């Protein structure tokens, strides 16, 4: 499992934890998150994240 960091605000998406508040279950790989998902802190898209 990997972590991905938002290039804009520094939010870290951890595949182990997911993003339950935004309907992304724990264990969800970053590439499997629905395309409409946005950074919970600054609202940029997945294209603005980098693998940690």
Protein backbone atom coordinates (compact mmCIF):
# COMPACT_ATOMS: atom_id res chain seq x y z
CA UNK A 1 0.00 0.00 0.00
CA UNK A 2 1.27 3.44 -0.91
CA UNK A 3 0.74 7.07 0.05
CA UNK A 4 0.08 9.96 -2.31
CA UNK A 5 0.68 13.62 -1.48
CA UNK A 6 -1.29 16.57 -2.81
CA UNK A 7 1.14 18.86 -4.63
CA UNK A 8 -0.96 21.90 -3.69
CA UNK A 9 -1.68 21.56 0.05
CA UNK A 10 0.30 18.56 1.29
CA UNK A 11 -2.67 16.32 2.16
CA UNK A 12 -1.58 12.68 2.26
CA UNK A 13 -3.87 9.98 0.87
CA UNK A 14 -2.93 6.69 2.55
CA UNK A 15 -4.26 3.63 0.70
CA UNK A 16 -4.43 1.74 4.00
CA UNK A 17 -6.78 4.33 5.53
CA UNK A 18 -8.73 5.46 2.46
CA UNK A 19 -10.96 8.53 2.77
CA UNK A 20 -14.11 7.30 4.51
CA UNK A 21 -15.59 10.82 4.74
CA UNK A 22 -15.65 10.95 0.94
CA UNK A 23 -16.80 7.36 0.29
CA UNK A 24 -13.35 5.87 -0.40
CA UNK A 25 -13.04 2.69 1.64
CA UNK A 26 -9.90 1.71 3.54
CA UNK A 27 -7.60 -0.36 1.33
CA UNK A 28 -8.57 1.45 -1.89
CA UNK A 29 -5.61 1.91 -4.24
CA UNK A 30 -5.16 5.48 -5.44
CA UNK A 31 -5.66 4.52 -9.08
CA UNK A 32 -8.99 2.88 -8.15
CA UNK A 33 -10.49 6.01 -6.59
CA UNK A 34 -13.34 7.37 -8.73
CA UNK A 35 -12.25 10.18 -11.05
CA UNK A 36 -14.60 12.70 -9.42
CA UNK A 37 -12.74 12.43 -6.09
CA UNK A 38 -11.10 15.68 -4.95
CA UNK A 39 -8.52 16.46 -2.30
CA UNK A 40 -10.48 16.81 0.96
CA UNK A 41 -8.50 19.90 1.95
CA UNK A 42 -8.08 21.98 -1.21
CA UNK A 43 -10.39 20.35 -3.79
CA UNK A 44 -7.85 19.65 -6.56
CA UNK A 45 -8.15 16.47 -8.63
CA UNK A 46 -6.11 13.27 -8.57
CA UNK A 47 -3.79 14.60 -11.26
CA UNK A 48 -2.32 16.98 -8.67
CA UNK A 49 -1.05 14.15 -6.45
CA UNK A 50 2.38 12.52 -6.42
CA UNK A 51 3.36 9.14 -5.03
CA UNK A 52 5.26 9.55 -1.77
